[in-house]
Amino acid sequence: MREAVLYSNLKSGIRCDLCARRCVLHEGETGFCRVRTEKGGKLYTKVYGLIDGMAADPIEKKPLFHFAPGSHAFSISTSSCNFRCQFCLNYLSAHREHPVGEQMTPSSIVELAERYKCGGITYTYTEPTVFMEFAHDTAEIAHSKGMYNTFVTNGYMTHEAIDYIAPFADAASVNFKGSGNKEFYNNLMSVPKVEPILSGMQHMNDKGILIEITNLIIPQVGDYPEDTKILAEWIVENLGPRTPFHVTAFSPTYKLTHIPRTPVQMLEKHLGIAKEAGLEFVYSGNIPGHDYENTYCPECGFKAVERHSVYLKSNNLNEEGRCPK
């Protein structure tokens, strides 16, 4: 174990200030995330450098479509998460009672990224907030070597956590589910409120972190067109109409194997709502070959970037990253 960052000593115990839950712990207790524990009046992380997932992925897989297109990101994770999603794709890692993995150092992660010719590092698969200390130290080394750092996150972190990582974070893919519907978050994810995610995205934006947003649509239990409209309008007003917005399809998994895959028509309904709300870059996800995987210039309609699934097919942008027309 290693002493954690971002905690406060209160009369009532030790408060973790990393995620928006702000768990208050007493001697020997562990937070909701299962990997931060109180001992002797201090807070410790159980997962510093304990890596249980890593791979070299296309940056488009995150998904990040407006950041370093065509590059590969060395992706890492530790065990556990601060959410309890009943449809989690990585539930074997995210929902472990006790963390497991290979002990590694920040330098060794950067060396692997270099060996596999990656443009940078992505902190992903589970929730990077719960291994923020290791992400921070790795990201600092990566930046010193000219590499980028990106986060794939549920966004449920404090402003203090964002301040801590912001000097080394270049982009974030913030993942919404069920359009941010409050009952959905409470009942299927054990998340008490959505507002900290919105506040966190505003703070990331203020810190200069490029933000792309995903929205997972789940038939029967997570299809909320009105909430998609509310979310899209909020993004336009607070982050800008050119914030990339990915609407992604669900596949049966974990505790929701009885729910069918998201129909294309349902996904397209939400894509249309997002565009009508004023978002200029709206993308489909998990439907390989769909035309909304591509980037079209909002001014002239030129197909500037062509993709298939998580792979870049062609990049017709100019050297400034803009439409050549």
C-alpha atoms as a PDB file:
ATOM      1  CA  MET A   1       0.000   0.000   0.000  1.00  0.00           C
ATOM      2  CA  ARG A   2       1.005   3.617  -0.512  1.00  0.00           C
ATOM      3  CA  GLU A   3      -0.298   6.749   1.178  1.00  0.00           C
ATOM      4  CA  ALA A   4      -3.017   8.337  -0.900  1.00  0.00           C
ATOM      5  CA  VAL A   5      -3.348  11.929  -1.994  1.00  0.00           C
ATOM      6  CA  LEU A   6      -6.390  14.135  -1.536  1.00  0.00           C
ATOM      7  CA  TYR A   7      -7.839  13.274   1.845  1.00  0.00           C
ATOM      8  CA  SER A   8      -8.891  15.275   4.883  1.00  0.00           C
ATOM      9  CA  ASN A   9      -8.698  14.575   8.612  1.00  0.00           C
ATOM     10  CA  LEU A  10     -12.089  15.226  10.182  1.00  0.00           C
ATOM     11  CA  LYS A  11     -13.357  14.761  13.722  1.00  0.00           C
ATOM     12  CA  SER A  12     -15.640  12.063  12.315  1.00  0.00           C
ATOM     13  CA  GLY A  13     -12.836  10.213  10.483  1.00  0.00           C
ATOM     14  CA  ILE A  14     -10.739  10.381   7.320  1.00  0.00           C
ATOM     15  CA  ARG A  15     -12.532  11.773   4.266  1.00  0.00           C
ATOM     16  CA  CYS A  16     -11.369  10.744   0.802  1.00  0.00           C
ATOM     17  CA  ASP A  17     -11.500  13.744  -1.531  1.00  0.00           C
ATOM     18  CA  LEU A  18     -10.761  11.929  -4.782  1.00  0.00           C
ATOM     19  CA  CYS A  19     -14.199  10.907  -6.040  1.00  0.00           C
ATOM     20  CA  ALA A  20     -17.481  12.725  -5.584  1.00  0.00           C
ATOM     21  CA  ARG A  21     -18.682  10.186  -3.011  1.00  0.00           C
ATOM     22  CA  ARG A  22     -16.194  11.652  -0.492  1.00  0.00           C
ATOM     23  CA  CYS A  23     -16.315   8.528   1.703  1.00  0.00           C
ATOM     24  CA  VAL A  24     -15.573   9.070   5.408  1.00  0.00           C
ATOM     25  CA  LEU A  25     -13.591   6.146   6.828  1.00  0.00           C
ATOM     26  CA  HIS A  26     -12.498   4.948  10.256  1.00  0.00           C
ATOM     27  CA  GLU A  27      -9.642   2.654  11.252  1.00  0.00           C
ATOM     28  CA  GLY A  28      -9.506  -0.373   8.959  1.00  0.00           C
ATOM     29  CA  GLU A  29     -12.459   0.658   6.815  1.00  0.00           C
ATOM     30  CA  THR A  30     -12.368   0.672   3.011  1.00  0.00           C
ATOM     31  CA  GLY A  31     -14.202   3.068   0.729  1.00  0.00           C
ATOM     32  CA  PHE A  32     -16.954   2.284  -1.754  1.00  0.00           C
ATOM     33  CA  CYS A  33     -14.266   1.742  -4.400  1.00  0.00           C
ATOM     34  CA  ARG A  34     -12.771  -1.108  -2.305  1.00  0.00           C
ATOM     35  CA  VAL A  35      -9.206   0.114  -2.867  1.00  0.00           C
ATOM     36  CA  ARG A  36      -8.755   3.070  -0.502  1.00  0.00           C
ATOM     37  CA  THR A  37      -8.448   2.295   3.192  1.00  0.00           C
ATOM     38  CA  GLU A  38      -7.825   4.109   6.491  1.00  0.00           C
ATOM     39  CA  LYS A  39      -4.963   3.039   8.727  1.00  0.00           C
ATOM     40  CA  GLY A  40      -3.412   4.894  11.623  1.00  0.00           C
ATOM     41  CA  GLY A  41      -5.056   8.201  10.753  1.00  0.00           C
ATOM     42  CA  LYS A  42      -3.934   8.118   7.126  1.00  0.00           C
ATOM     43  CA  LEU A  43      -5.566   7.108   3.850  1.00  0.00           C
ATOM     44  CA  TYR A  44      -3.868   4.492   1.680  1.00  0.00           C
ATOM     45  CA  THR A  45      -4.360   3.199  -1.851  1.00  0.00           C
ATOM     46  CA  LYS A  46      -4.176  -0.560  -2.408  1.00  0.00           C
ATOM     47  CA  VAL A  47      -3.623  -0.365  -6.167  1.00  0.00           C
ATOM     48  CA  TYR A  48      -0.602   1.872  -6.737  1.00  0.00           C
ATOM     49  CA  GLY A  49       1.140   0.191  -9.682  1.00  0.00           C
ATOM     50  CA  LEU A  50      -0.951  -2.993  -9.367  1.00  0.00           C
ATOM     51  CA  ILE A  51      -1.858  -3.272 -13.055  1.00  0.00           C
ATOM     52  CA  ASP A  52      -4.490  -5.842 -14.042  1.00  0.00           C
ATOM     53  CA  GLY A  53      -5.121  -4.690 -17.615  1.00  0.00           C
ATOM     54  CA  MET A  54      -2.964  -3.263 -20.389  1.00  0.00           C
ATOM     55  CA  ALA A  55      -2.948  -3.156 -24.189  1.00  0.00           C
ATOM     56  CA  ALA A  56      -1.989  -0.965 -27.125  1.00  0.00           C
ATOM     57  CA  ASP A  57      -5.311   0.340 -28.504  1.00  0.00           C
ATOM     58  CA  PRO A  58      -6.294   2.663 -31.335  1.00  0.00           C
ATOM     59  CA  ILE A  59      -7.144   6.046 -29.825  1.00  0.00           C
ATOM     60  CA  GLU A  60     -10.483   5.779 -31.665  1.00  0.00           C
ATOM     61  CA  LYS A  61     -11.438   2.900 -29.346  1.00  0.00           C
ATOM     62  CA  LYS A  62     -11.655   5.202 -26.300  1.00  0.00           C
ATOM     63  CA  PRO A  63     -13.555   6.730 -28.170  1.00  0.00           C
ATOM     64  CA  LEU A  64     -11.567   9.863 -28.982  1.00  0.00           C
ATOM     65  CA  PHE A  65     -12.229  11.016 -32.542  1.00  0.00           C
ATOM     66  CA  HIS A  66     -10.893  14.587 -32.323  1.00  0.00           C
ATOM     67  CA  PHE A  67      -7.614  13.824 -30.614  1.00  0.00           C
ATOM     68  CA  ALA A  68      -4.463  12.320 -32.190  1.00  0.00           C
ATOM     69  CA  PRO A  69      -6.388  10.414 -34.903  1.00  0.00           C
ATOM     70  CA  GLY A  70      -4.758   7.220 -36.095  1.00  0.00           C
ATOM     71  CA  SER A  71      -2.397   6.969 -33.126  1.00  0.00           C
ATOM     72  CA  HIS A  72      -2.192   4.128 -30.621  1.00  0.00           C
ATOM     73  CA  ALA A  73      -2.521   4.626 -26.884  1.00  0.00           C
ATOM     74  CA  PHE A  74      -0.961   2.288 -24.345  1.00  0.00           C
ATOM     75  CA  SER A  75      -3.954   1.572 -22.118  1.00  0.00           C
ATOM     76  CA  ILE A  76      -3.743   0.535 -18.468  1.00  0.00           C
ATOM     77  CA  SER A  77      -6.057  -0.154 -15.545  1.00  0.00           C
ATOM     78  CA  THR A  78      -6.128  -1.430 -11.991  1.00  0.00           C
ATOM     79  CA  SER A  79      -8.900  -3.324 -10.236  1.00  0.00           C
ATOM     80  CA  SER A  80     -12.110  -1.734  -9.005  1.00  0.00           C
ATOM     81  CA  CYS A  81     -14.385   1.230  -9.681  1.00  0.00           C
ATOM     82  CA  ASN A  82     -16.466   3.803  -7.826  1.00  0.00           C
ATOM     83  CA  PHE A  83     -19.620   2.741  -9.727  1.00  0.00           C
ATOM     84  CA  ARG A  84     -21.576  -0.548  -9.617  1.00  0.00           C
ATOM     85  CA  CYS A  85     -22.965  -0.687 -13.163  1.00  0.00           C
ATOM     86  CA  GLN A  86     -25.092  -3.789 -13.746  1.00  0.00           C
ATOM     87  CA  PHE A  87     -24.048  -3.720 -17.422  1.00  0.00           C
ATOM     88  CA  CYS A  88     -20.300  -3.278 -16.931  1.00  0.00           C
ATOM     89  CA  LEU A  89     -18.168  -4.588 -19.803  1.00  0.00           C
ATOM     90  CA  ASN A  90     -15.122  -4.974 -17.555  1.00  0.00           C
ATOM     91  CA  TYR A  91     -16.931  -6.340 -14.505  1.00  0.00           C
ATOM     92  CA  LEU A  92     -14.294  -9.010 -13.774  1.00  0.00           C
ATOM     93  CA  SER A  93     -11.837  -6.208 -12.950  1.00  0.00           C
ATOM     94  CA  ALA A  94     -14.148  -3.386 -11.950  1.00  0.00           C
ATOM     95  CA  HIS A  95     -16.149  -5.402  -9.408  1.00  0.00           C
ATOM     96  CA  ARG A  96     -13.379  -7.375  -7.721  1.00  0.00           C
ATOM     97  CA  GLU A  97     -13.641  -7.566  -3.947  1.00  0.00           C
ATOM     98  CA  HIS A  98      -9.845  -7.567  -3.679  1.00  0.00           C
ATOM     99  CA  PRO A  99      -7.411  -6.027  -6.192  1.00  0.00           C
ATOM    100  CA  VAL A 100      -5.048  -8.187  -8.213  1.00  0.00           C
ATOM    101  CA  GLY A 101      -2.442  -7.479 -10.860  1.00  0.00           C
ATOM    102  CA  GLU A 102       1.208  -7.199 -11.798  1.00  0.00           C
ATOM    103  CA  GLN A 103       3.246  -4.711  -9.785  1.00  0.00           C
ATOM    104  CA  MET A 104       4.691  -2.097 -12.142  1.00  0.00           C
ATOM    105  CA  THR A 105       6.269   1.348 -11.961  1.00  0.00           C
ATOM    106  CA  PRO A 106       5.329   4.523 -13.836  1.00  0.00           C
ATOM    107  CA  SER A 107       8.611   4.328 -15.740  1.00  0.00           C
ATOM    108  CA  SER A 108       7.963   0.748 -16.836  1.00  0.00           C
ATOM    109  CA  ILE A 109       4.554   1.724 -18.236  1.00  0.00           C
ATOM    110  CA  VAL A 110       6.083   4.563 -20.255  1.00  0.00           C
ATOM    111  CA  GLU A 111       8.819   2.232 -21.502  1.00  0.00           C
ATOM    112  CA  LEU A 112       6.197  -0.259 -22.714  1.00  0.00           C
ATOM    113  CA  ALA A 113       4.309   2.538 -24.453  1.00  0.00           C
ATOM    114  CA  GLU A 114       7.491   3.521 -26.251  1.00  0.00           C
ATOM    115  CA  ARG A 115       8.303  -0.095 -27.151  1.00  0.00           C
ATOM    116  CA  TYR A 116       4.889  -0.537 -28.773  1.00  0.00           C
ATOM    117  CA  LYS A 117       5.221   2.798 -30.616  1.00  0.00           C
ATOM    118  CA  CYS A 118       2.261   4.411 -28.885  1.00  0.00           C
ATOM    119  CA  GLY A 119       1.661   8.142 -29.072  1.00  0.00           C
ATOM    120  CA  GLY A 120       0.636   8.263 -25.450  1.00  0.00           C
ATOM    121  CA  ILE A 121      -1.044   6.565 -22.521  1.00  0.00           C
ATOM    122  CA  THR A 122      -4.721   6.098 -21.697  1.00  0.00           C
ATOM    123  CA  TYR A 123      -5.990   5.380 -18.207  1.00  0.00           C
ATOM    124  CA  THR A 124      -9.082   3.284 -18.828  1.00  0.00           C
ATOM    125  CA  TYR A 125     -10.934  -0.082 -18.679  1.00  0.00           C
ATOM    126  CA  THR A 126     -12.042   0.354 -15.058  1.00  0.00           C
ATOM    127  CA  GLU A 127     -12.213   3.859 -13.534  1.00  0.00           C
ATOM    128  CA  PRO A 128      -8.925   5.801 -13.490  1.00  0.00           C
ATOM    129  CA  THR A 129     -10.094   7.957 -10.592  1.00  0.00           C
ATOM    130  CA  VAL A 130      -9.449   5.029  -8.222  1.00  0.00           C
ATOM    131  CA  PHE A 131      -5.804   4.773  -9.326  1.00  0.00           C
ATOM    132  CA  MET A 132      -5.238   8.490  -9.727  1.00  0.00           C
ATOM    133  CA  GLU A 133      -1.904   8.580  -7.878  1.00  0.00           C
ATOM    134  CA  PHE A 134      -0.329   6.060 -10.234  1.00  0.00           C
ATOM    135  CA  ALA A 135      -1.938   7.731 -13.256  1.00  0.00           C
ATOM    136  CA  HIS A 136      -0.543  11.084 -12.148  1.00  0.00           C
ATOM    137  CA  ASP A 137       3.023   9.815 -11.717  1.00  0.00           C
ATOM    138  CA  THR A 138       2.923   7.912 -15.016  1.00  0.00           C
ATOM    139  CA  ALA A 139       1.397  10.855 -16.868  1.00  0.00           C
ATOM    140  CA  GLU A 140       4.084  13.202 -15.599  1.00  0.00           C
ATOM    141  CA  ILE A 141       6.834  10.971 -17.019  1.00  0.00           C
ATOM    142  CA  ALA A 142       4.928  10.470 -20.270  1.00  0.00           C
ATOM    143  CA  HIS A 143       4.608  14.232 -20.765  1.00  0.00           C
ATOM    144  CA  SER A 144       8.313  14.702 -20.160  1.00  0.00           C
ATOM    145  CA  LYS A 145       8.933  12.370 -23.096  1.00  0.00           C
ATOM    146  CA  GLY A 146       6.504  14.169 -25.413  1.00  0.00           C
ATOM    147  CA  MET A 147       3.681  11.650 -25.057  1.00  0.00           C
ATOM    148  CA  TYR A 148       0.021  12.473 -24.484  1.00  0.00           C
ATOM    149  CA  ASN A 149      -2.243  11.319 -21.632  1.00  0.00           C
ATOM    150  CA  THR A 150      -5.953  10.617 -21.957  1.00  0.00           C
ATOM    151  CA  PHE A 151      -8.586   9.430 -19.509  1.00  0.00           C
ATOM    152  CA  VAL A 152     -11.636   7.264 -20.114  1.00  0.00           C
ATOM    153  CA  THR A 153     -13.752   8.090 -17.100  1.00  0.00           C
ATOM    154  CA  ASN A 154     -17.223   8.136 -15.633  1.00  0.00           C
ATOM    155  CA  GLY A 155     -16.405  11.715 -14.617  1.00  0.00           C
ATOM    156  CA  TYR A 156     -17.401  11.234 -10.974  1.00  0.00           C
ATOM    157  CA  MET A 157     -14.373  12.985  -9.529  1.00  0.00           C
ATOM    158  CA  THR A 158     -13.854  16.032  -7.352  1.00  0.00           C
ATOM    159  CA  HIS A 159     -12.469  19.349  -8.556  1.00  0.00           C
ATOM    160  CA  GLU A 160      -9.432  18.645  -6.372  1.00  0.00           C
ATOM    161  CA  ALA A 161      -8.772  15.443  -8.316  1.00  0.00           C
ATOM    162  CA  ILE A 162      -9.070  17.320 -11.608  1.00  0.00           C
ATOM    163  CA  ASP A 163      -6.659  19.993 -10.368  1.00  0.00           C
ATOM    164  CA  TYR A 164      -4.220  17.239  -9.372  1.00  0.00           C
ATOM    165  CA  ILE A 165      -4.146  15.547 -12.793  1.00  0.00           C
ATOM    166  CA  ALA A 166      -4.858  18.534 -15.089  1.00  0.00           C
ATOM    167  CA  PRO A 167      -1.203  19.557 -15.686  1.00  0.00           C
ATOM    168  CA  PHE A 168      -0.596  16.198 -17.376  1.00  0.00           C
ATOM    169  CA  ALA A 169      -4.031  15.341 -18.844  1.00  0.00           C
ATOM    170  CA  ASP A 170      -4.635  16.219 -22.495  1.00  0.00           C
ATOM    171  CA  ALA A 171      -8.039  14.707 -23.230  1.00  0.00           C
ATOM    172  CA  ALA A 172     -10.878  12.856 -21.520  1.00  0.00           C
ATOM    173  CA  SER A 173     -13.646  10.617 -22.802  1.00  0.00           C
ATOM    174  CA  VAL A 174     -16.452  11.063 -20.271  1.00  0.00           C
ATOM    175  CA  ASN A 175     -18.889   8.162 -20.345  1.00  0.00           C
ATOM    176  CA  PHE A 176     -22.578   8.719 -19.634  1.00  0.00           C
ATOM    177  CA  LYS A 177     -25.080   5.895 -19.467  1.00  0.00           C
ATOM    178  CA  GLY A 178     -28.809   6.161 -20.018  1.00  0.00           C
ATOM    179  CA  SER A 179     -28.440   9.833 -20.950  1.00  0.00           C
ATOM    180  CA  GLY A 180     -27.671  10.739 -17.341  1.00  0.00           C
ATOM    181  CA  ASN A 181     -31.182   9.842 -16.139  1.00  0.00           C
ATOM    182  CA  LYS A 182     -31.087  10.118 -12.336  1.00  0.00           C
ATOM    183  CA  GLU A 183     -33.249   7.069 -11.573  1.00  0.00           C
ATOM    184  CA  PHE A 184     -31.197   4.965 -13.981  1.00  0.00           C
ATOM    185  CA  TYR A 185     -27.964   6.034 -12.277  1.00  0.00           C
ATOM    186  CA  ASN A 186     -29.398   5.292  -8.859  1.00  0.00           C
ATOM    187  CA  ASN A 187     -31.056   1.947  -9.634  1.00  0.00           C
ATOM    188  CA  LEU A 188     -28.649   0.345 -12.106  1.00  0.00           C
ATOM    189  CA  MET A 189     -25.344   1.972 -11.169  1.00  0.00           C
ATOM    190  CA  SER A 190     -25.595   2.750  -7.426  1.00  0.00           C
ATOM    191  CA  VAL A 191     -24.733   6.389  -8.123  1.00  0.00           C
ATOM    192  CA  PRO A 192     -26.667   8.874  -5.950  1.00  0.00           C
ATOM    193  CA  LYS A 193     -26.445  11.950  -8.177  1.00  0.00           C
ATOM    194  CA  VAL A 194     -25.309  13.029 -11.638  1.00  0.00           C
ATOM    195  CA  GLU A 195     -24.514  16.683 -10.969  1.00  0.00           C
ATOM    196  CA  PRO A 196     -20.848  16.093  -9.958  1.00  0.00           C
ATOM    197  CA  ILE A 197     -20.171  14.757 -13.461  1.00  0.00           C
ATOM    198  CA  LEU A 198     -21.498  17.907 -15.096  1.00  0.00           C
ATOM    199  CA  SER A 199     -19.578  20.122 -12.685  1.00  0.00           C
ATOM    200  CA  GLY A 200     -16.451  18.043 -13.261  1.00  0.00           C
ATOM    201  CA  MET A 201     -16.682  18.399 -17.037  1.00  0.00           C
ATOM    202  CA  GLN A 202     -16.966  22.160 -16.713  1.00  0.00           C
ATOM    203  CA  HIS A 203     -13.867  22.152 -14.523  1.00  0.00           C
ATOM    204  CA  MET A 204     -11.952  19.946 -16.986  1.00  0.00           C
ATOM    205  CA  ASN A 205     -12.930  22.313 -19.764  1.00  0.00           C
ATOM    206  CA  ASP A 206     -11.725  25.299 -17.734  1.00  0.00           C
ATOM    207  CA  LYS A 207      -8.404  23.488 -17.241  1.00  0.00           C
ATOM    208  CA  GLY A 208      -7.947  23.049 -20.986  1.00  0.00           C
ATOM    209  CA  ILE A 209      -8.625  19.305 -21.139  1.00  0.00           C
ATOM    210  CA  LEU A 210     -10.242  18.306 -24.429  1.00  0.00           C
ATOM    211  CA  ILE A 211     -13.539  16.541 -23.700  1.00  0.00           C
ATOM    212  CA  GLU A 212     -15.472  14.007 -25.759  1.00  0.00           C
ATOM    213  CA  ILE A 213     -18.669  12.528 -24.358  1.00  0.00           C
ATOM    214  CA  THR A 214     -20.261   9.116 -24.824  1.00  0.00           C
ATOM    215  CA  ASN A 215     -23.846   8.159 -24.057  1.00  0.00           C
ATOM    216  CA  LEU A 216     -24.751   4.457 -23.786  1.00  0.00           C
ATOM    217  CA  ILE A 217     -28.335   3.670 -24.800  1.00  0.00           C
ATOM    218  CA  ILE A 218     -29.798   0.474 -23.313  1.00  0.00           C
ATOM    219  CA  PRO A 219     -33.185  -0.789 -24.568  1.00  0.00           C
ATOM    220  CA  GLN A 220     -36.023  -1.216 -22.060  1.00  0.00           C
ATOM    221  CA  VAL A 221     -34.117   0.211 -19.094  1.00  0.00           C
ATOM    222  CA  GLY A 222     -31.951   3.042 -20.471  1.00  0.00           C
ATOM    223  CA  ASP A 223     -33.777   4.640 -23.407  1.00  0.00           C
ATOM    224  CA  TYR A 224     -34.515   8.234 -22.353  1.00  0.00           C
ATOM    225  CA  PRO A 225     -34.919  10.552 -25.377  1.00  0.00           C
ATOM    226  CA  GLU A 226     -35.902  13.541 -23.252  1.00  0.00           C
ATOM    227  CA  ASP A 227     -32.793  13.141 -21.109  1.00  0.00           C
ATOM    228  CA  THR A 228     -30.636  12.925 -24.243  1.00  0.00           C
ATOM    229  CA  LYS A 229     -32.132  16.265 -25.296  1.00  0.00           C
ATOM    230  CA  ILE A 230     -31.418  17.787 -21.864  1.00  0.00           C
ATOM    231  CA  LEU A 231     -27.852  16.450 -21.848  1.00  0.00           C
ATOM    232  CA  ALA A 232     -27.111  17.619 -25.396  1.00  0.00           C
ATOM    233  CA  GLU A 233     -28.486  21.093 -24.707  1.00  0.00           C
ATOM    234  CA  TRP A 234     -26.389  21.293 -21.540  1.00  0.00           C
ATOM    235  CA  ILE A 235     -23.267  20.383 -23.516  1.00  0.00           C
ATOM    236  CA  VAL A 236     -23.989  23.012 -26.162  1.00  0.00           C
ATOM    237  CA  GLU A 237     -24.482  25.703 -23.541  1.00  0.00           C
ATOM    238  CA  ASN A 238     -21.612  24.791 -21.193  1.00  0.00           C
ATOM    239  CA  LEU A 239     -18.948  23.095 -23.334  1.00  0.00           C
ATOM    240  CA  GLY A 240     -19.788  24.302 -26.821  1.00  0.00           C
ATOM    241  CA  PRO A 241     -21.605  22.923 -29.887  1.00  0.00           C
ATOM    242  CA  ARG A 242     -18.432  21.348 -31.316  1.00  0.00           C
ATOM    243  CA  THR A 243     -17.932  19.015 -28.357  1.00  0.00           C
ATOM    244  CA  PRO A 244     -17.858  15.491 -29.861  1.00  0.00           C
ATOM    245  CA  PHE A 245     -20.815  13.389 -28.699  1.00  0.00           C
ATOM    246  CA  HIS A 246     -20.847   9.609 -29.189  1.00  0.00           C
ATOM    247  CA  VAL A 247     -24.115   7.672 -28.889  1.00  0.00           C
ATOM    248  CA  THR A 248     -23.206   4.031 -28.333  1.00  0.00           C
ATOM    249  CA  ALA A 249     -25.088   0.749 -28.619  1.00  0.00           C
ATOM    250  CA  PHE A 250     -25.417  -1.733 -25.763  1.00  0.00           C
ATOM    251  CA  SER A 251     -24.615  -5.447 -26.012  1.00  0.00           C
ATOM    252  CA  PRO A 252     -25.970  -7.923 -23.426  1.00  0.00           C
ATOM    253  CA  THR A 253     -23.475  -8.401 -20.593  1.00  0.00           C
ATOM    254  CA  TYR A 254     -22.995  -8.989 -16.848  1.00  0.00           C
ATOM    255  CA  LYS A 255     -26.361  -8.711 -15.063  1.00  0.00           C
ATOM    256  CA  LEU A 256     -28.276  -7.499 -18.143  1.00  0.00           C
ATOM    257  CA  THR A 257     -27.831 -10.488 -20.451  1.00  0.00           C
ATOM    258  CA  HIS A 258     -31.637 -10.615 -20.806  1.00  0.00           C
ATOM    259  CA  ILE A 259     -31.691  -7.153 -22.441  1.00  0.00           C
ATOM    260  CA  PRO A 260     -31.334  -7.176 -26.257  1.00  0.00           C
ATOM    261  CA  ARG A 261     -28.715  -5.270 -28.195  1.00  0.00           C
ATOM    262  CA  THR A 262     -29.628  -1.649 -28.982  1.00  0.00           C
ATOM    263  CA  PRO A 263     -31.469  -1.487 -32.329  1.00  0.00           C
ATOM    264  CA  VAL A 264     -29.933   0.808 -34.944  1.00  0.00           C
ATOM    265  CA  GLN A 265     -33.207   2.736 -35.199  1.00  0.00           C
ATOM    266  CA  MET A 266     -33.172   3.491 -31.469  1.00  0.00           C
ATOM    267  CA  LEU A 267     -29.599   4.733 -31.645  1.00  0.00           C
ATOM    268  CA  GLU A 268     -30.384   6.897 -34.667  1.00  0.00           C
ATOM    269  CA  LYS A 269     -33.280   8.472 -32.751  1.00  0.00           C
ATOM    270  CA  HIS A 270     -30.856   9.677 -30.090  1.00  0.00           C
ATOM    271  CA  LEU A 271     -28.312  10.778 -32.708  1.00  0.00           C
ATOM    272  CA  GLY A 272     -31.007  12.936 -34.298  1.00  0.00           C
ATOM    273  CA  ILE A 273     -32.004  14.439 -30.953  1.00  0.00           C
ATOM    274  CA  ALA A 274     -28.398  15.398 -30.238  1.00  0.00           C
ATOM    275  CA  LYS A 275     -28.018  17.073 -33.624  1.00  0.00           C
ATOM    276  CA  GLU A 276     -31.310  18.934 -33.258  1.00  0.00           C
ATOM    277  CA  ALA A 277     -30.069  20.226 -29.895  1.00  0.00           C
ATOM    278  CA  GLY A 278     -27.188  21.924 -31.712  1.00  0.00           C
ATOM    279  CA  LEU A 279     -24.253  19.515 -31.419  1.00  0.00           C
ATOM    280  CA  GLU A 280     -22.207  19.577 -34.632  1.00  0.00           C
ATOM    281  CA  PHE A 281     -20.097  16.433 -34.184  1.00  0.00           C
ATOM    282  CA  VAL A 282     -22.374  13.518 -33.326  1.00  0.00           C
ATOM    283  CA  TYR A 283     -21.105   9.940 -33.701  1.00  0.00           C
ATOM    284  CA  SER A 284     -22.498   6.418 -33.501  1.00  0.00           C
ATOM    285  CA  GLY A 285     -20.707   3.764 -31.492  1.00  0.00           C
ATOM    286  CA  ASN A 286     -20.640  -0.046 -31.596  1.00  0.00           C
ATOM    287  CA  ILE A 287     -22.326  -0.175 -35.015  1.00  0.00           C
ATOM    288  CA  PRO A 288     -19.438  -0.874 -37.421  1.00  0.00           C
ATOM    289  CA  GLY A 289     -19.963   0.614 -40.861  1.00  0.00           C
ATOM    290  CA  HIS A 290     -22.544   3.196 -39.757  1.00  0.00           C
ATOM    291  CA  ASP A 291     -22.115   6.525 -41.546  1.00  0.00           C
ATOM    292  CA  TYR A 292     -22.075   8.400 -38.236  1.00  0.00           C
ATOM    293  CA  GLU A 293     -18.655   6.899 -37.505  1.00  0.00           C
ATOM    294  CA  ASN A 294     -17.214   9.464 -39.928  1.00  0.00           C
ATOM    295  CA  THR A 295     -16.444  13.144 -39.432  1.00  0.00           C
ATOM    296  CA  TYR A 296     -18.090  15.567 -41.836  1.00  0.00           C
ATOM    297  CA  CYS A 297     -17.192  19.224 -42.042  1.00  0.00           C
ATOM    298  CA  PRO A 298     -20.099  21.180 -40.475  1.00  0.00           C
ATOM    299  CA  GLU A 299     -19.488  24.028 -42.922  1.00  0.00           C
ATOM    300  CA  CYS A 300     -19.359  22.241 -46.306  1.00  0.00           C
ATOM    301  CA  GLY A 301     -20.265  18.605 -45.624  1.00  0.00           C
ATOM    302  CA  PHE A 302     -16.925  17.198 -46.846  1.00  0.00           C
ATOM    303  CA  LYS A 303     -16.032  13.769 -45.383  1.00  0.00           C
ATOM    304  CA  ALA A 304     -12.899  14.855 -43.554  1.00  0.00           C
ATOM    305  CA  VAL A 305     -12.221  11.663 -41.587  1.00  0.00           C
ATOM    306  CA  GLU A 306     -13.409   8.161 -42.438  1.00  0.00           C
ATOM    307  CA  ARG A 307     -13.545   5.353 -39.869  1.00  0.00           C
ATOM    308  CA  HIS A 308     -14.740   1.780 -39.516  1.00  0.00           C
ATOM    309  CA  SER A 309     -15.486   0.690 -35.963  1.00  0.00           C
ATOM    310  CA  VAL A 310     -12.418   1.741 -33.918  1.00  0.00           C
ATOM    311  CA  TYR A 311     -10.095   1.978 -36.915  1.00  0.00           C
ATOM    312  CA  LEU A 312      -9.111   5.036 -38.924  1.00  0.00           C
ATOM    313  CA  LYS A 313      -9.533   4.472 -42.678  1.00  0.00           C
ATOM    314  CA  SER A 314      -8.544   7.895 -44.006  1.00  0.00           C
ATOM    315  CA  ASN A 315      -7.683  11.301 -42.603  1.00  0.00           C
ATOM    316  CA  ASN A 316      -8.184  14.130 -45.076  1.00  0.00           C
ATOM    317  CA  LEU A 317      -7.638  16.992 -42.625  1.00  0.00           C
ATOM    318  CA  ASN A 318      -4.924  19.540 -43.377  1.00  0.00           C
ATOM    319  CA  GLU A 319      -1.834  20.067 -41.209  1.00  0.00           C
ATOM    320  CA  GLU A 320      -3.835  22.323 -38.893  1.00  0.00           C
ATOM    321  CA  GLY A 321      -6.385  19.553 -38.331  1.00  0.00           C
ATOM    322  CA  ARG A 322      -9.076  21.343 -40.343  1.00  0.00           C
ATOM    323  CA  CYS A 323     -11.171  20.634 -43.400  1.00  0.00           C
ATOM    324  CA  PRO A 324      -8.990  21.219 -46.485  1.00  0.00           C
ATOM    325  CA  LYS A 325     -11.921  22.816 -48.294  1.00  0.00           C
END
